[in-house]
Protein backbone atom coordinates (compact mmCIF):
# COMPACT_ATOMS: atom_id res chain seq x y z
CA MET A 1 -15.46 14.97 14.59
CA SER A 2 -13.04 17.86 14.70
CA ASP A 3 -14.22 18.76 18.25
CA SER A 4 -13.54 15.29 19.69
CA PRO A 5 -10.40 14.62 21.76
CA LEU A 6 -7.41 13.51 19.71
CA LEU A 7 -6.78 9.78 19.78
CA GLU A 8 -3.25 8.39 19.85
CA SER A 9 -2.84 8.21 16.08
CA GLU A 10 -4.04 11.80 15.73
CA ARG A 11 -1.70 12.99 18.49
CA THR A 12 1.16 11.30 16.66
CA ALA A 13 0.24 13.09 13.45
CA THR A 14 0.01 16.40 15.30
CA ASN A 15 3.45 15.96 16.83
CA CYS A 16 4.84 15.32 13.36
CA CYS A 17 3.61 18.78 12.45
CA LEU A 18 5.71 20.43 15.08
CA ARG A 19 8.80 18.50 14.08
CA ARG A 20 8.49 18.74 10.30
CA ARG A 21 6.50 21.78 9.35
CA CYS A 22 7.78 24.42 11.74
CA VAL A 23 10.81 26.40 10.71
CA VAL A 24 12.58 27.79 13.75
CA LEU A 25 14.66 30.89 13.12
CA SER A 26 16.96 32.26 15.81
CA MET A 27 18.39 35.74 15.41
CA SER A 28 21.01 37.52 17.44
CA LEU A 29 20.06 41.11 18.24
CA LEU A 30 22.99 43.60 18.03
CA GLY A 31 25.38 41.34 19.89
CA LEU A 32 23.35 41.61 23.10
CA GLY A 33 22.80 37.86 23.12
CA ALA A 34 19.03 38.16 22.95
CA CYS A 35 17.30 35.68 20.62
CA ALA A 36 13.95 35.80 18.96
CA THR A 37 12.29 32.56 17.91
CA ILE A 38 9.93 32.71 15.01
CA LEU A 39 7.63 29.82 14.25
CA PHE A 40 6.64 29.79 10.67
CA PHE A 41 4.16 27.16 9.43
CA GLY A 42 4.49 26.34 5.74
CA TRP A 43 1.22 25.68 3.91
CA ARG A 44 2.32 24.05 0.69
CA ARG A 45 -1.10 23.65 -0.86
CA LEU A 46 0.44 23.23 -4.29
CA PHE A 47 1.85 19.88 -3.18
CA GLY A 48 -1.16 18.82 -1.13
CA PRO A 49 -1.88 19.26 2.57
CA SER A 50 -0.27 16.87 5.00
CA PRO A 51 -2.19 14.95 7.67
CA SER A 52 0.62 15.87 10.00
CA LEU A 53 -0.40 19.50 9.60
CA LEU A 54 -4.16 19.23 9.93
CA LEU A 55 -6.03 18.65 13.18
CA SER A 56 -9.33 18.00 11.41
CA PRO A 57 -10.34 16.97 7.89
CA GLU A 58 -10.70 19.55 5.16
CA ASP A 59 -14.04 20.60 3.71
CA PRO A 60 -14.92 17.85 1.17
CA GLY A 61 -16.82 20.40 -0.89
CA LYS A 62 -13.53 22.09 -1.78
CA CYS A 63 -11.86 18.83 -2.81
CA GLU A 64 -12.12 16.40 -5.69
CA GLY A 65 -14.96 13.90 -5.31
CA PRO A 66 -14.84 10.11 -5.15
CA PRO A 67 -13.22 7.71 -5.56
CA TYR A 68 -10.83 8.40 -2.71
CA LEU A 69 -7.38 7.11 -1.82
CA TYR A 70 -6.93 4.89 1.24
CA LEU A 71 -3.41 4.75 2.63
CA SER A 72 -2.03 2.36 5.25
CA MET A 73 1.26 3.13 6.98
CA HIS A 74 4.05 1.14 8.53
CA GLY A 75 3.06 1.65 12.15
CA GLY A 76 5.57 -0.55 13.92
CA ARG A 77 5.44 -0.94 17.67
CA ARG A 78 3.26 1.62 19.39
CA LYS A 79 6.07 2.83 21.62
CA LYS A 80 7.81 3.99 18.44
CA LYS A 81 4.88 6.36 17.77
CA GLY A 82 3.96 5.02 14.35
CA TYR A 83 0.64 5.88 12.72
CA HIS A 84 -1.90 3.11 13.35
CA ASN A 85 -4.87 3.80 11.11
CA ILE A 86 -5.80 4.22 7.46
CA ILE A 87 -5.89 7.77 6.08
CA ARG A 88 -8.38 8.94 3.47
CA PHE A 89 -7.32 11.48 0.82
CA SER A 90 -9.08 12.98 -2.15
CA ARG A 91 -7.26 12.44 -5.44
CA ASP A 92 -6.15 16.10 -5.40
CA GLY A 93 -4.54 15.68 -1.98
CA CYS A 94 -7.13 16.85 0.56
CA TYR A 95 -6.90 15.13 3.92
CA LEU A 96 -10.38 13.72 4.60
CA GLY A 97 -9.84 12.01 7.92
CA LYS A 98 -9.05 8.53 9.12
CA VAL A 99 -10.99 5.56 7.78
CA LEU A 100 -11.18 3.21 10.76
CA GLU A 101 -13.10 4.08 13.91
CA GLU A 102 -10.89 3.86 17.00
CA ASP A 103 -12.12 2.97 20.45
CA GLU A 104 -9.24 2.08 22.73
CA LYS A 105 -11.64 0.29 25.10
CA LYS A 106 -12.47 -2.28 22.43
CA GLU A 107 -10.59 -4.81 20.35
CA PRO A 108 -8.71 -4.49 18.14
CA ARG A 109 -5.97 -2.06 19.05
CA LEU A 110 -4.78 -1.26 15.55
CA GLN A 111 -1.13 -1.92 14.83
CA GLU A 112 1.13 -2.42 11.78
CA LEU A 113 -1.55 -2.20 9.09
CA ARG A 114 -0.71 -3.36 5.57
CA GLY A 115 -2.99 -4.64 2.80
CA MET A 116 -6.59 -3.52 2.29
CA TYR A 117 -9.44 -4.79 0.14
CA ASP A 118 -12.80 -3.01 -0.09
CA SER A 119 -15.54 -5.48 -1.02
CA SER A 120 -19.25 -6.17 -0.64
CA GLU A 121 -18.39 -8.11 2.55
CA GLY A 122 -16.67 -5.08 4.07
CA LEU A 123 -13.21 -3.58 4.29
CA PHE A 124 -10.53 -6.22 4.90
CA VAL A 125 -7.39 -4.92 6.63
CA ALA A 126 -4.18 -6.87 7.22
CA GLU A 127 -2.53 -6.44 10.60
CA ALA A 128 1.09 -7.62 10.37
CA GLN A 129 2.15 -8.03 13.99
CA GLN A 130 4.90 -10.62 14.15
CA LYS A 131 3.45 -12.67 17.02
CA ASN A 132 -0.24 -12.26 16.21
CA SER A 133 -1.00 -11.52 12.59
CA ARG A 134 -4.66 -10.91 11.87
CA ILE A 135 -7.16 -10.03 9.18
CA LEU A 136 -9.64 -7.48 10.47
CA LEU A 137 -13.04 -6.82 8.93
CA PHE A 138 -14.67 -3.40 9.07
CA GLU A 139 -18.21 -2.54 8.02
CA THR A 140 -19.27 -1.99 4.45
CA CYS A 141 -20.26 1.46 3.29
CA GLU A 142 -23.01 2.77 1.07
CA PRO A 143 -21.51 5.64 -0.97
CA SER A 144 -24.82 7.51 -1.17
CA LYS A 145 -25.13 7.82 2.63
CA ASP A 146 -21.90 6.64 4.32
CA ARG A 147 -19.37 8.64 2.31
CA LEU A 148 -16.46 9.88 4.45
CA LYS A 149 -17.82 8.05 7.49
CA GLU A 150 -15.40 6.24 9.79
CA ARG A 151 -15.89 2.51 9.45
CA GLN A 152 -16.76 0.49 12.54
CA PHE A 153 -14.92 -2.67 13.46
CA THR A 154 -16.92 -5.83 12.72
CA LYS A 155 -14.71 -8.73 13.80
CA VAL A 156 -11.34 -10.43 13.69
CA TRP A 157 -11.93 -12.31 10.46
CA ALA A 158 -8.82 -14.54 10.72
CA ASP A 159 -5.71 -14.79 12.88
CA SER A 160 -2.45 -16.71 12.98
CA LYS A 161 -3.60 -18.87 15.91
CA ASP A 162 -5.92 -20.74 13.56
CA ALA A 163 -4.32 -19.98 10.18
CA HIS A 164 -0.67 -20.86 10.75
CA GLY A 165 0.42 -19.59 7.34
CA LEU A 166 -0.84 -16.10 8.22
CA MET A 167 2.51 -14.56 9.13
CA HIS A 168 3.09 -10.86 8.40
CA PRO A 169 0.29 -10.54 5.79
CA TYR A 170 1.05 -8.04 3.07
CA GLY A 171 -1.30 -8.05 0.06
CA PHE A 172 -4.90 -9.08 -0.69
CA ALA A 173 -6.59 -10.29 -3.86
CA ILE A 174 -10.07 -11.72 -4.54
CA ASN A 175 -10.76 -14.07 -7.45
CA HIS A 176 -13.97 -15.27 -9.08
CA ASP A 177 -13.85 -18.44 -6.93
CA LYS A 178 -14.94 -16.39 -3.90
CA TYR A 179 -11.72 -16.78 -1.95
CA LEU A 180 -9.65 -14.06 -0.33
CA TYR A 181 -5.98 -14.61 -1.22
CA VAL A 182 -3.32 -13.25 1.16
CA SER A 183 0.42 -12.95 0.55
CA ASN A 184 2.59 -13.37 3.65
CA GLN A 185 6.14 -12.05 4.02
CA ASP A 186 7.28 -14.39 6.80
CA SER A 187 5.64 -17.71 5.85
CA LEU A 188 6.38 -17.10 2.14
CA ALA A 189 2.92 -18.48 1.39
CA VAL A 190 -0.11 -17.21 -0.46
CA ILE A 191 -3.01 -18.64 1.53
CA ARG A 192 -6.70 -18.39 0.76
CA PHE A 193 -9.86 -18.10 2.83
CA SER A 194 -13.47 -18.69 1.86
CA LEU A 195 -15.30 -15.36 1.73
CA GLU A 196 -18.53 -17.14 2.71
CA THR A 197 -17.26 -19.01 5.79
CA GLY A 198 -13.94 -17.35 6.66
CA LYS A 199 -12.34 -20.79 6.80
CA LEU A 200 -9.12 -21.76 5.05
CA GLY A 201 -9.58 -22.97 1.50
CA PRO A 202 -8.06 -26.09 -0.03
CA LYS A 203 -4.40 -26.37 -0.91
CA SER A 204 -3.75 -25.92 -4.61
CA GLU A 205 -2.93 -28.83 -6.88
CA ALA A 206 0.65 -27.58 -7.23
CA VAL A 207 1.09 -27.34 -3.45
CA LEU A 208 -0.30 -30.85 -2.91
CA GLN A 209 2.22 -32.18 -5.44
CA LYS A 210 5.03 -30.27 -3.72
CA GLU A 211 3.93 -31.57 -0.33
CA LYS A 212 3.88 -35.15 -1.60
CA SER A 213 7.32 -34.96 -3.19
CA SER A 214 8.96 -33.15 -0.27
CA LYS A 215 7.14 -35.18 2.40
CA LYS A 216 6.87 -32.00 4.47
CA LYS A 217 3.66 -30.58 5.86
CA ILE A 218 2.63 -27.32 4.18
CA TYR A 219 0.31 -24.76 5.79
CA ASP A 220 -3.41 -25.43 5.33
CA GLY A 221 -4.97 -23.15 2.73
CA THR A 222 -1.70 -22.63 0.83
CA PHE A 223 -2.07 -21.76 -2.85
CA VAL A 224 1.58 -20.86 -3.57
CA LEU A 225 4.67 -21.49 -1.45
CA LEU A 226 8.04 -19.87 -2.21
CA ASP A 227 11.48 -21.14 -1.30
CA LYS A 228 13.31 -19.82 1.76
CA THR A 229 15.71 -17.83 -0.44
CA GLU A 230 12.84 -15.78 -1.93
CA GLU A 231 10.79 -12.79 -0.75
CA MET A 232 7.06 -12.21 -1.24
CA ARG A 233 5.20 -8.91 -1.58
CA GLY A 234 2.07 -7.82 -3.53
CA ILE A 235 -0.47 -10.00 -5.39
CA LEU A 236 -3.34 -9.48 -7.85
CA PHE A 237 -5.61 -11.33 -10.28
CA ASP A 238 -6.03 -10.32 -13.92
CA ASN A 239 -9.17 -10.61 -16.05
CA LYS A 240 -8.32 -14.23 -16.91
CA HIS A 241 -8.06 -15.26 -13.25
CA ARG A 242 -4.29 -15.63 -13.27
CA LEU A 243 -2.51 -14.81 -10.03
CA TYR A 244 0.43 -12.36 -10.16
CA LEU A 245 2.90 -12.50 -7.28
CA ALA A 246 5.72 -10.03 -6.63
CA ASN A 247 8.74 -12.22 -5.88
CA LYS A 248 11.63 -9.89 -5.05
CA GLU A 249 14.21 -12.49 -6.07
CA THR A 250 12.87 -13.71 -9.42
CA GLY A 251 10.35 -11.16 -10.75
CA VAL A 252 6.56 -11.09 -11.02
CA GLN A 253 5.43 -14.70 -11.17
CA VAL A 254 2.18 -15.67 -12.91
CA TYR A 255 0.22 -18.72 -11.74
CA ASP A 256 -2.78 -20.59 -13.14
CA SER A 257 -5.91 -21.52 -11.19
CA ASN A 258 -4.21 -24.69 -9.88
CA GLY A 259 -1.19 -22.87 -8.48
CA HIS A 260 1.20 -23.90 -11.26
CA LEU A 261 3.77 -21.34 -12.41
CA LEU A 262 3.08 -20.20 -15.99
CA HIS A 263 5.76 -17.58 -16.56
CA THR A 264 7.60 -14.67 -14.98
CA LEU A 265 7.67 -10.97 -15.86
CA GLU A 266 11.33 -10.05 -16.00
CA VAL A 267 11.70 -7.24 -13.52
CA HIS A 268 13.96 -7.14 -10.50
CA ASN A 269 12.79 -6.48 -6.96
CA PRO A 270 9.04 -5.95 -7.58
CA ILE A 271 7.03 -4.70 -4.60
CA SER A 272 3.60 -3.38 -5.50
CA LEU A 273 1.17 -4.59 -8.18
CA ALA A 274 -1.96 -3.05 -9.70
CA TRP A 275 -4.36 -4.13 -12.44
CA HIS A 276 -5.61 -1.48 -14.87
CA SER A 277 -9.07 -2.72 -15.85
CA HIS A 278 -9.51 -0.41 -18.86
CA ARG A 279 -6.06 -0.93 -20.34
CA GLN A 280 -6.04 -4.62 -19.35
CA THR A 281 -2.47 -4.33 -18.13
CA VAL A 282 -0.39 -5.10 -15.05
CA TRP A 283 1.48 -2.30 -13.30
CA VAL A 284 4.55 -3.05 -11.21
CA GLY A 285 6.31 -0.82 -8.69
CA THR A 286 9.93 -1.89 -8.50
CA THR A 287 13.30 -1.00 -7.03
CA LYS A 288 16.43 -2.02 -8.91
CA SER A 289 18.40 -4.96 -7.58
CA GLY A 290 19.93 -6.43 -10.72
CA ASP A 291 20.71 -5.87 -14.37
CA GLU A 292 17.88 -3.82 -15.87
CA SER A 293 19.83 -2.23 -18.69
CA TRP A 294 16.76 -2.57 -20.89
CA ILE A 295 15.02 0.30 -19.09
CA PRO A 296 17.37 3.03 -20.43
CA ASP A 297 17.06 1.37 -23.85
CA ILE A 298 13.31 2.02 -23.76
CA VAL A 299 13.10 5.42 -22.06
CA GLY A 300 16.29 6.93 -23.47
CA LYS A 301 19.56 8.01 -21.87
CA LYS A 302 18.19 11.09 -20.06
CA GLN A 303 15.42 9.21 -18.26
CA GLY A 304 17.72 6.25 -17.88
CA LYS A 305 19.97 8.41 -15.71
CA VAL A 306 16.96 9.20 -13.48
CA PHE A 307 16.45 5.47 -12.99
CA GLU A 308 20.10 4.98 -12.16
CA LYS A 309 19.80 7.59 -9.39
CA THR A 310 16.47 6.52 -7.87
CA ASN A 311 16.60 2.77 -8.64
CA SER A 312 12.79 2.88 -8.81
CA ALA A 313 10.22 2.68 -11.59
CA LEU A 314 6.55 2.06 -12.37
CA ILE A 315 6.31 -0.40 -15.26
CA GLU A 316 3.24 -1.37 -17.25
CA PHE A 317 3.27 -4.91 -18.71
CA ASP A 318 1.10 -6.50 -21.37
CA PRO A 319 -0.07 -9.77 -19.75
CA GLU A 320 -0.24 -11.55 -23.09
CA THR A 321 3.09 -10.60 -24.64
CA LEU A 322 4.82 -10.19 -21.24
CA SER A 323 6.55 -7.11 -22.63
CA PRO A 324 6.71 -3.64 -21.01
CA LYS A 325 4.42 -0.99 -22.54
CA THR A 326 5.05 2.06 -20.36
CA ILE A 327 7.77 3.05 -17.90
CA LEU A 328 7.26 5.95 -15.50
CA LEU A 329 10.23 7.52 -13.73
CA ASP A 330 10.81 10.53 -11.52
CA LYS A 331 13.60 11.77 -9.32
CA HIS A 332 11.21 11.80 -6.32
CA LEU A 333 10.05 8.20 -6.81
CA LYS A 334 11.87 5.89 -4.41
CA HIS A 335 10.73 2.47 -3.24
CA PRO A 336 7.10 2.50 -4.52
CA ALA A 337 5.56 0.31 -1.82
CA GLY A 338 1.96 1.06 -2.78
CA LEU A 339 0.40 1.50 -6.21
CA VAL A 340 -3.10 2.01 -7.64
CA THR A 341 -4.53 3.14 -11.00
CA HIS A 342 -7.55 5.23 -11.94
CA GLY A 343 -8.27 6.43 -15.47
CA ASP A 344 -5.17 8.04 -16.92
CA SER A 345 -3.52 8.30 -13.51
CA VAL A 346 -1.19 6.07 -11.56
CA TYR A 347 -0.85 6.89 -7.86
CA ALA A 348 2.25 5.63 -6.08
CA ILE A 349 3.68 5.82 -2.59
CA SER A 350 7.27 7.02 -2.52
CA GLN A 351 9.10 5.80 0.58
CA ARG A 352 11.85 8.32 -0.05
CA ASP A 353 14.24 9.51 2.63
CA GLY A 354 12.21 11.27 5.28
CA PRO A 355 8.42 11.14 5.63
CA GLY A 356 7.55 10.00 2.11
CA ALA A 357 4.81 11.13 -0.25
CA ILE A 358 2.06 10.12 -2.69
CA LEU A 359 2.83 10.95 -6.32
CA GLU A 360 0.45 11.11 -9.29
CA PHE A 361 1.63 10.12 -12.76
CA SER A 362 -0.11 10.56 -16.11
CA ILE A 363 0.00 7.48 -18.33
CA SER A 364 -0.62 9.43 -21.55
CA LYS A 365 1.99 12.09 -20.72
CA ARG A 366 4.37 9.45 -19.33
CA LYS A 367 5.49 11.57 -16.43
CA LYS A 368 4.72 12.67 -12.89
CA ILE A 369 2.21 15.51 -12.91
CA ARG A 370 2.15 16.38 -9.21
CA THR A 371 2.94 15.41 -5.64
CA ILE A 372 -0.54 15.23 -4.18
CA VAL A 373 0.46 14.50 -0.58
CA ASP A 374 3.78 15.52 0.89
CA GLU A 375 5.33 14.63 4.24
CA LEU A 376 3.33 11.65 5.46
CA PRO A 377 3.26 11.14 9.24
CA ASP A 378 4.70 7.62 8.79
CA ALA A 379 6.14 5.45 6.00
CA GLY A 380 3.36 4.70 3.49
CA GLU A 381 2.70 1.02 2.81
CA ARG A 382 -0.37 0.09 0.74
CA LEU A 383 -2.76 2.13 -1.39
CA ILE A 384 -6.27 1.38 -2.67
CA ILE A 385 -9.22 3.33 -4.12
CA SER A 386 -12.67 3.43 -2.51
CA GLU A 387 -15.96 5.21 -3.18
CA CYS A 388 -16.33 6.01 0.52
């Protein structure tokens, strides 16, 4: 794979290297006006190698084994040279190549990738193009034989031409009812699809009641619909099949199986959500947009000052008491768009000024323990864990 010609996304990553990793030093020699240019490539292995630096994946044998981190990036329009694939990293920061096979002669031409969900049906990927949002399905993988293999495109699983509520899809969640739930930034709807048929599921009881009272047609397949003044981001299901929805205006809303609002976790401007299966808790990545004076009260004045500077936090909530259990802060954590947990670790994307990074936090130590990937080639969006 390292000997193959670079595709567009790889060329973009390579160009980032030359812009970000090269330090150009110009020196005047004895007033004669002659200059020497020295190119010095920094290899900051302590903070994790950057995909913008590497032309081919690292040796997996020298890196931490599975599960691996999958990272989607903002992308944007192709003429803006965004990164249009999913990158695979080991949990100690080794770059292990791109996840999705690219063939520019075939559909789809990847663009603006967001949410991901790795399941027995395959890898679902959200493509958030404004005029043609789609859900793409890539092949499943068998960890014993397909590990680190690029996944082949299977089909366009759903698109906005047929599913009108599919508008700028952001997050995925799968419940025990065998539906794929999708949050959408532009339609402000959580819609659901049957995993067996790919068709839109039924509207929820709450949505049917809202449709009847408002006398306005609501998108087919809608499970939750927010008001126009609200903003929708990540979603997840807990172990009791309750849906959690990051509503940037009101907090993390919790819904029952009929789409009725149960309660709200009081946190401003939530973006990313993650369920910790062993701790049975909900993790929220948030940026401050209101009065959250209770955070310094919990973490103390010193850490509270960190929060005041970064306006970002990772907060663990008890789903039964609705109270915060753990708050993780760091001066390098800004706008945690993606979030995933594994064991004692919480991995978060930091969309800080510049290229951004992936940070690892220890729950037991209640602090960041390392920056595992520094200087991403594009703004990081969503983060999941996969065995492949």
